[in-house]
């Protein structure tokens, strides 16, 4: 497998995982027993309000979201290349005014 396909697959994998993680965050916020509760009225998500589980939305989830974004940014920045014959990448020829030719 070539390097181009590998980094594109890694970007897609991280985007899918980022989307799934965002989906779980949204569902847990909507199920929390706050004024914004929209789902799970019979059994609200009260476990997130106690000690060991409060670390999930407060520490673990932000670290995971930032890690996914950092990996995506690194992969795109490292492997994304402009086309070689682009007018934006052409070198400008500067004439030296001091030369007499």
N, C-alpha and C. Protein backbone atom coordinates (compact mmCIF):
# COMPACT_ATOMS: atom_id res chain seq x y z
N UNK A 1 0.84 -1.18 0.00
CA UNK A 1 0.00 0.00 0.00
C UNK A 1 0.88 1.24 0.00
N UNK A 2 0.56 2.21 -0.80
CA UNK A 2 1.41 3.39 -0.90
C UNK A 2 1.16 4.36 0.25
N UNK A 3 2.08 5.32 0.39
CA UNK A 3 1.96 6.29 1.48
C UNK A 3 0.76 7.20 1.34
N UNK A 4 0.38 7.53 0.09
CA UNK A 4 -0.77 8.40 -0.11
C UNK A 4 -2.05 7.76 0.39
N UNK A 5 -2.21 6.48 0.13
CA UNK A 5 -3.42 5.80 0.56
C UNK A 5 -3.43 5.65 2.07
N UNK A 6 -2.28 5.36 2.66
CA UNK A 6 -2.21 5.18 4.11
C UNK A 6 -2.62 6.44 4.86
N UNK A 7 -2.06 7.58 4.47
CA UNK A 7 -2.38 8.78 5.24
C UNK A 7 -3.82 9.21 5.01
N UNK A 8 -4.35 8.96 3.82
CA UNK A 8 -5.75 9.28 3.57
C UNK A 8 -6.66 8.37 4.39
N UNK A 9 -6.29 7.10 4.51
CA UNK A 9 -7.08 6.18 5.33
C UNK A 9 -7.02 6.59 6.80
N UNK A 10 -5.87 7.04 7.26
CA UNK A 10 -5.75 7.50 8.64
C UNK A 10 -6.59 8.75 8.89
N UNK A 11 -6.62 9.66 7.93
CA UNK A 11 -7.45 10.85 8.08
C UNK A 11 -8.92 10.47 8.13
N UNK A 12 -9.34 9.57 7.23
CA UNK A 12 -10.74 9.12 7.23
C UNK A 12 -11.07 8.42 8.54
N UNK A 13 -10.16 7.56 9.01
CA UNK A 13 -10.38 6.85 10.27
C UNK A 13 -10.54 7.84 11.43
N UNK A 14 -9.68 8.84 11.49
CA UNK A 14 -9.77 9.81 12.58
C UNK A 14 -11.03 10.68 12.46
N UNK A 15 -11.44 11.00 11.24
CA UNK A 15 -12.68 11.76 11.07
C UNK A 15 -13.90 10.95 11.51
N UNK A 16 -13.91 9.66 11.17
CA UNK A 16 -15.01 8.79 11.60
C UNK A 16 -15.04 8.68 13.12
N UNK A 17 -13.89 8.45 13.73
CA UNK A 17 -13.82 8.35 15.19
C UNK A 17 -14.19 9.66 15.87
N UNK A 18 -13.77 10.78 15.28
CA UNK A 18 -14.14 12.08 15.82
C UNK A 18 -15.66 12.28 15.74
N UNK A 19 -16.26 11.86 14.63
CA UNK A 19 -17.72 11.96 14.50
C UNK A 19 -18.45 11.08 15.49
N UNK A 20 -17.97 9.84 15.69
CA UNK A 20 -18.59 8.95 16.66
C UNK A 20 -18.46 9.50 18.08
N UNK A 21 -17.31 10.03 18.40
CA UNK A 21 -17.10 10.61 19.73
C UNK A 21 -17.99 11.83 19.94
N UNK A 22 -18.11 12.66 18.91
CA UNK A 22 -18.99 13.83 19.00
C UNK A 22 -20.45 13.40 19.16
N UNK A 23 -20.84 12.33 18.47
CA UNK A 23 -22.19 11.80 18.60
C UNK A 23 -22.47 11.35 20.03
N UNK A 24 -21.52 10.65 20.63
CA UNK A 24 -21.70 10.19 22.01
C UNK A 24 -21.75 11.35 22.99
N UNK A 25 -20.96 12.38 22.75
CA UNK A 25 -21.00 13.57 23.61
C UNK A 25 -22.37 14.24 23.51
N UNK A 26 -22.87 14.38 22.30
CA UNK A 26 -24.18 15.00 22.10
C UNK A 26 -25.28 14.19 22.77
N UNK A 27 -25.25 12.87 22.63
CA UNK A 27 -26.26 12.03 23.27
C UNK A 27 -26.18 12.10 24.79
N UNK A 28 -24.98 12.14 25.35
CA UNK A 28 -24.86 12.21 26.80
C UNK A 28 -25.30 13.58 27.34
N UNK A 29 -25.07 14.64 26.57
CA UNK A 29 -25.54 15.96 27.00
C UNK A 29 -27.05 16.02 26.95
N UNK A 30 -27.64 15.45 25.90
CA UNK A 30 -29.09 15.47 25.77
C UNK A 30 -29.79 14.57 26.78
N UNK A 31 -29.07 13.58 27.33
CA UNK A 31 -29.65 12.68 28.33
C UNK A 31 -29.33 13.11 29.76
N UNK A 32 -28.54 14.13 29.95
CA UNK A 32 -28.19 14.59 31.30
C UNK A 32 -29.40 15.27 31.95
N UNK A 33 -29.53 15.14 33.26
CA UNK A 33 -30.70 15.72 33.94
C UNK A 33 -30.57 17.22 34.16
N UNK A 34 -30.48 17.96 33.09
CA UNK A 34 -30.41 19.41 33.15
C UNK A 34 -31.61 20.00 32.44
N UNK A 35 -31.65 21.30 32.33
CA UNK A 35 -32.74 21.96 31.62
C UNK A 35 -32.75 21.61 30.14
N UNK A 36 -31.61 21.16 29.61
CA UNK A 36 -31.50 20.84 28.19
C UNK A 36 -31.80 19.37 27.89
N UNK A 37 -32.35 18.64 28.86
CA UNK A 37 -32.61 17.22 28.64
C UNK A 37 -33.70 17.03 27.59
N UNK A 38 -33.35 16.31 26.54
CA UNK A 38 -34.28 16.08 25.43
C UNK A 38 -34.62 14.61 25.26
N UNK A 39 -33.75 13.70 25.72
CA UNK A 39 -33.98 12.27 25.56
C UNK A 39 -33.81 11.58 26.91
N UNK A 40 -34.25 10.34 27.01
CA UNK A 40 -34.09 9.48 28.19
C UNK A 40 -34.73 10.10 29.43
N UNK A 41 -36.02 10.43 29.33
CA UNK A 41 -36.71 11.02 30.48
C UNK A 41 -36.94 9.99 31.59
N UNK A 42 -37.13 8.73 31.22
CA UNK A 42 -37.36 7.67 32.21
C UNK A 42 -36.13 7.35 33.03
N UNK A 43 -34.97 7.42 32.41
CA UNK A 43 -33.72 7.11 33.11
C UNK A 43 -32.65 8.10 32.67
N UNK A 44 -32.59 9.27 33.32
CA UNK A 44 -31.59 10.27 32.91
C UNK A 44 -30.17 9.81 33.24
N UNK A 45 -29.23 10.44 32.60
CA UNK A 45 -27.82 10.10 32.73
C UNK A 45 -27.24 10.76 33.99
N UNK A 46 -27.53 10.18 35.16
CA UNK A 46 -27.07 10.78 36.42
C UNK A 46 -25.68 10.27 36.83
N UNK A 47 -25.17 9.23 36.19
CA UNK A 47 -23.86 8.70 36.56
C UNK A 47 -22.76 9.71 36.29
N UNK A 48 -22.95 10.58 35.31
CA UNK A 48 -21.92 11.57 34.96
C UNK A 48 -21.78 12.66 36.02
N UNK A 49 -22.63 12.65 37.02
CA UNK A 49 -22.57 13.67 38.07
C UNK A 49 -21.80 13.22 39.30
N UNK A 50 -21.30 11.99 39.32
CA UNK A 50 -20.58 11.45 40.48
C UNK A 50 -19.10 11.30 40.15
N UNK A 51 -18.27 11.14 41.23
CA UNK A 51 -16.82 11.30 41.11
C UNK A 51 -16.11 10.56 39.99
N UNK A 52 -16.02 9.28 39.96
CA UNK A 52 -15.11 8.75 38.94
C UNK A 52 -15.60 9.01 37.52
N UNK A 53 -16.91 9.11 37.35
CA UNK A 53 -17.46 9.29 36.01
C UNK A 53 -17.44 10.74 35.56
N UNK A 54 -17.29 11.67 36.48
CA UNK A 54 -17.24 13.08 36.10
C UNK A 54 -15.95 13.40 35.35
N UNK A 55 -14.95 12.53 35.49
CA UNK A 55 -13.70 12.73 34.76
C UNK A 55 -13.86 12.46 33.26
N UNK A 56 -14.86 11.67 32.88
CA UNK A 56 -15.07 11.38 31.46
C UNK A 56 -15.39 12.65 30.67
N UNK A 57 -16.46 13.38 31.00
CA UNK A 57 -16.73 14.59 30.20
C UNK A 57 -15.81 15.74 30.54
N UNK A 58 -15.18 15.71 31.71
CA UNK A 58 -14.34 16.82 32.12
C UNK A 58 -12.89 16.74 31.66
N UNK A 59 -12.37 15.52 31.50
CA UNK A 59 -10.95 15.36 31.19
C UNK A 59 -10.73 14.46 29.96
N UNK A 60 -11.27 13.27 30.01
CA UNK A 60 -10.97 12.27 28.98
C UNK A 60 -11.50 12.67 27.61
N UNK A 61 -12.75 13.08 27.53
CA UNK A 61 -13.37 13.43 26.25
C UNK A 61 -12.66 14.62 25.60
N UNK A 62 -12.37 15.72 26.32
CA UNK A 62 -11.63 16.81 25.67
C UNK A 62 -10.24 16.39 25.18
N UNK A 63 -9.56 15.51 25.92
CA UNK A 63 -8.24 15.03 25.48
C UNK A 63 -8.39 14.23 24.20
N UNK A 64 -9.39 13.37 24.13
CA UNK A 64 -9.60 12.57 22.92
C UNK A 64 -9.97 13.43 21.73
N UNK A 65 -10.84 14.41 21.92
CA UNK A 65 -11.22 15.30 20.82
C UNK A 65 -10.01 16.08 20.31
N UNK A 66 -9.22 16.61 21.21
CA UNK A 66 -8.03 17.37 20.80
C UNK A 66 -6.99 16.46 20.14
N UNK A 67 -6.87 15.22 20.62
CA UNK A 67 -5.91 14.29 20.01
C UNK A 67 -6.32 13.95 18.58
N UNK A 68 -7.62 13.71 18.35
CA UNK A 68 -8.07 13.43 16.99
C UNK A 68 -7.82 14.63 16.08
N UNK A 69 -8.13 15.81 16.55
CA UNK A 69 -7.90 17.01 15.74
C UNK A 69 -6.41 17.23 15.47
N UNK A 70 -5.57 16.95 16.46
CA UNK A 70 -4.13 17.13 16.27
C UNK A 70 -3.58 16.13 15.26
N UNK A 71 -4.05 14.89 15.31
CA UNK A 71 -3.58 13.88 14.35
C UNK A 71 -4.03 14.24 12.94
N UNK A 72 -5.29 14.66 12.80
CA UNK A 72 -5.80 15.05 11.48
C UNK A 72 -5.01 16.23 10.95
N UNK A 73 -4.75 17.22 11.78
CA UNK A 73 -4.00 18.40 11.36
C UNK A 73 -2.58 18.02 10.95
N UNK A 74 -1.95 17.15 11.73
CA UNK A 74 -0.58 16.74 11.41
C UNK A 74 -0.53 15.97 10.09
N UNK A 75 -1.45 15.03 9.90
CA UNK A 75 -1.44 14.24 8.66
C UNK A 75 -1.68 15.11 7.44
N UNK A 76 -2.63 16.02 7.53
CA UNK A 76 -2.92 16.88 6.38
C UNK A 76 -1.76 17.83 6.12
N UNK A 77 -1.20 18.39 7.17
CA UNK A 77 -0.09 19.33 7.02
C UNK A 77 1.16 18.62 6.48
N UNK A 78 1.39 17.38 6.90
CA UNK A 78 2.59 16.66 6.50
C UNK A 78 2.51 16.10 5.08
N UNK A 79 1.36 15.62 4.69
CA UNK A 79 1.26 14.88 3.43
C UNK A 79 0.49 15.59 2.33
N UNK A 80 -0.16 16.69 2.60
CA UNK A 80 -0.91 17.40 1.58
C UNK A 80 0.06 18.24 0.76
N UNK A 81 0.09 18.02 -0.53
CA UNK A 81 1.01 18.75 -1.40
C UNK A 81 0.23 19.47 -2.48
N UNK A 82 0.72 20.63 -2.83
CA UNK A 82 0.15 21.36 -3.96
C UNK A 82 0.58 20.66 -5.25
N UNK A 83 -0.20 20.79 -6.29
CA UNK A 83 0.25 20.25 -7.59
C UNK A 83 1.55 20.93 -8.02
N UNK A 84 2.42 20.17 -8.69
CA UNK A 84 3.74 20.70 -9.05
C UNK A 84 3.66 21.81 -10.08
N UNK A 85 2.70 21.77 -10.97
CA UNK A 85 2.59 22.76 -12.03
C UNK A 85 1.48 23.76 -11.75
N UNK A 86 1.42 24.21 -10.53
CA UNK A 86 0.40 25.18 -10.15
C UNK A 86 0.96 26.59 -10.30
N UNK A 87 0.15 27.55 -10.72
CA UNK A 87 0.67 28.91 -10.83
C UNK A 87 1.02 29.52 -9.47
N UNK A 88 0.49 28.93 -8.39
CA UNK A 88 0.78 29.47 -7.06
C UNK A 88 2.13 29.01 -6.54
N UNK A 89 2.65 27.92 -7.09
CA UNK A 89 3.94 27.41 -6.61
C UNK A 89 5.08 27.75 -7.55
N UNK A 90 4.79 28.46 -8.62
CA UNK A 90 5.85 28.82 -9.57
C UNK A 90 6.79 29.83 -8.93
N UNK A 91 8.07 29.67 -9.21
CA UNK A 91 9.07 30.59 -8.66
C UNK A 91 9.06 31.88 -9.48
N UNK A 92 9.20 32.95 -8.78
CA UNK A 92 9.25 34.24 -9.45
C UNK A 92 10.68 34.57 -9.82
N UNK A 93 10.86 35.05 -11.03
CA UNK A 93 12.19 35.44 -11.49
C UNK A 93 12.34 36.92 -11.23
N UNK A 94 13.35 37.25 -10.46
CA UNK A 94 13.59 38.63 -10.10
C UNK A 94 14.84 39.09 -10.83
N UNK A 95 14.74 40.19 -11.56
CA UNK A 95 15.89 40.73 -12.28
C UNK A 95 16.70 41.58 -11.35
N UNK A 96 17.96 41.44 -11.47
CA UNK A 96 18.86 42.25 -10.65
C UNK A 96 19.09 43.57 -11.40
N UNK A 97 18.71 44.66 -10.79
CA UNK A 97 18.80 45.96 -11.44
C UNK A 97 20.24 46.50 -11.48
N UNK A 98 21.11 45.98 -10.64
CA UNK A 98 22.47 46.46 -10.58
C UNK A 98 23.35 45.89 -11.69
N UNK A 99 22.92 44.82 -12.29
CA UNK A 99 23.72 44.19 -13.36
C UNK A 99 23.51 44.94 -14.66
N UNK A 100 24.56 45.05 -15.39
CA UNK A 100 24.47 45.66 -16.72
C UNK A 100 24.72 44.57 -17.75
N UNK A 101 23.70 44.17 -18.41
CA UNK A 101 23.87 43.13 -19.41
C UNK A 101 23.13 43.47 -20.67
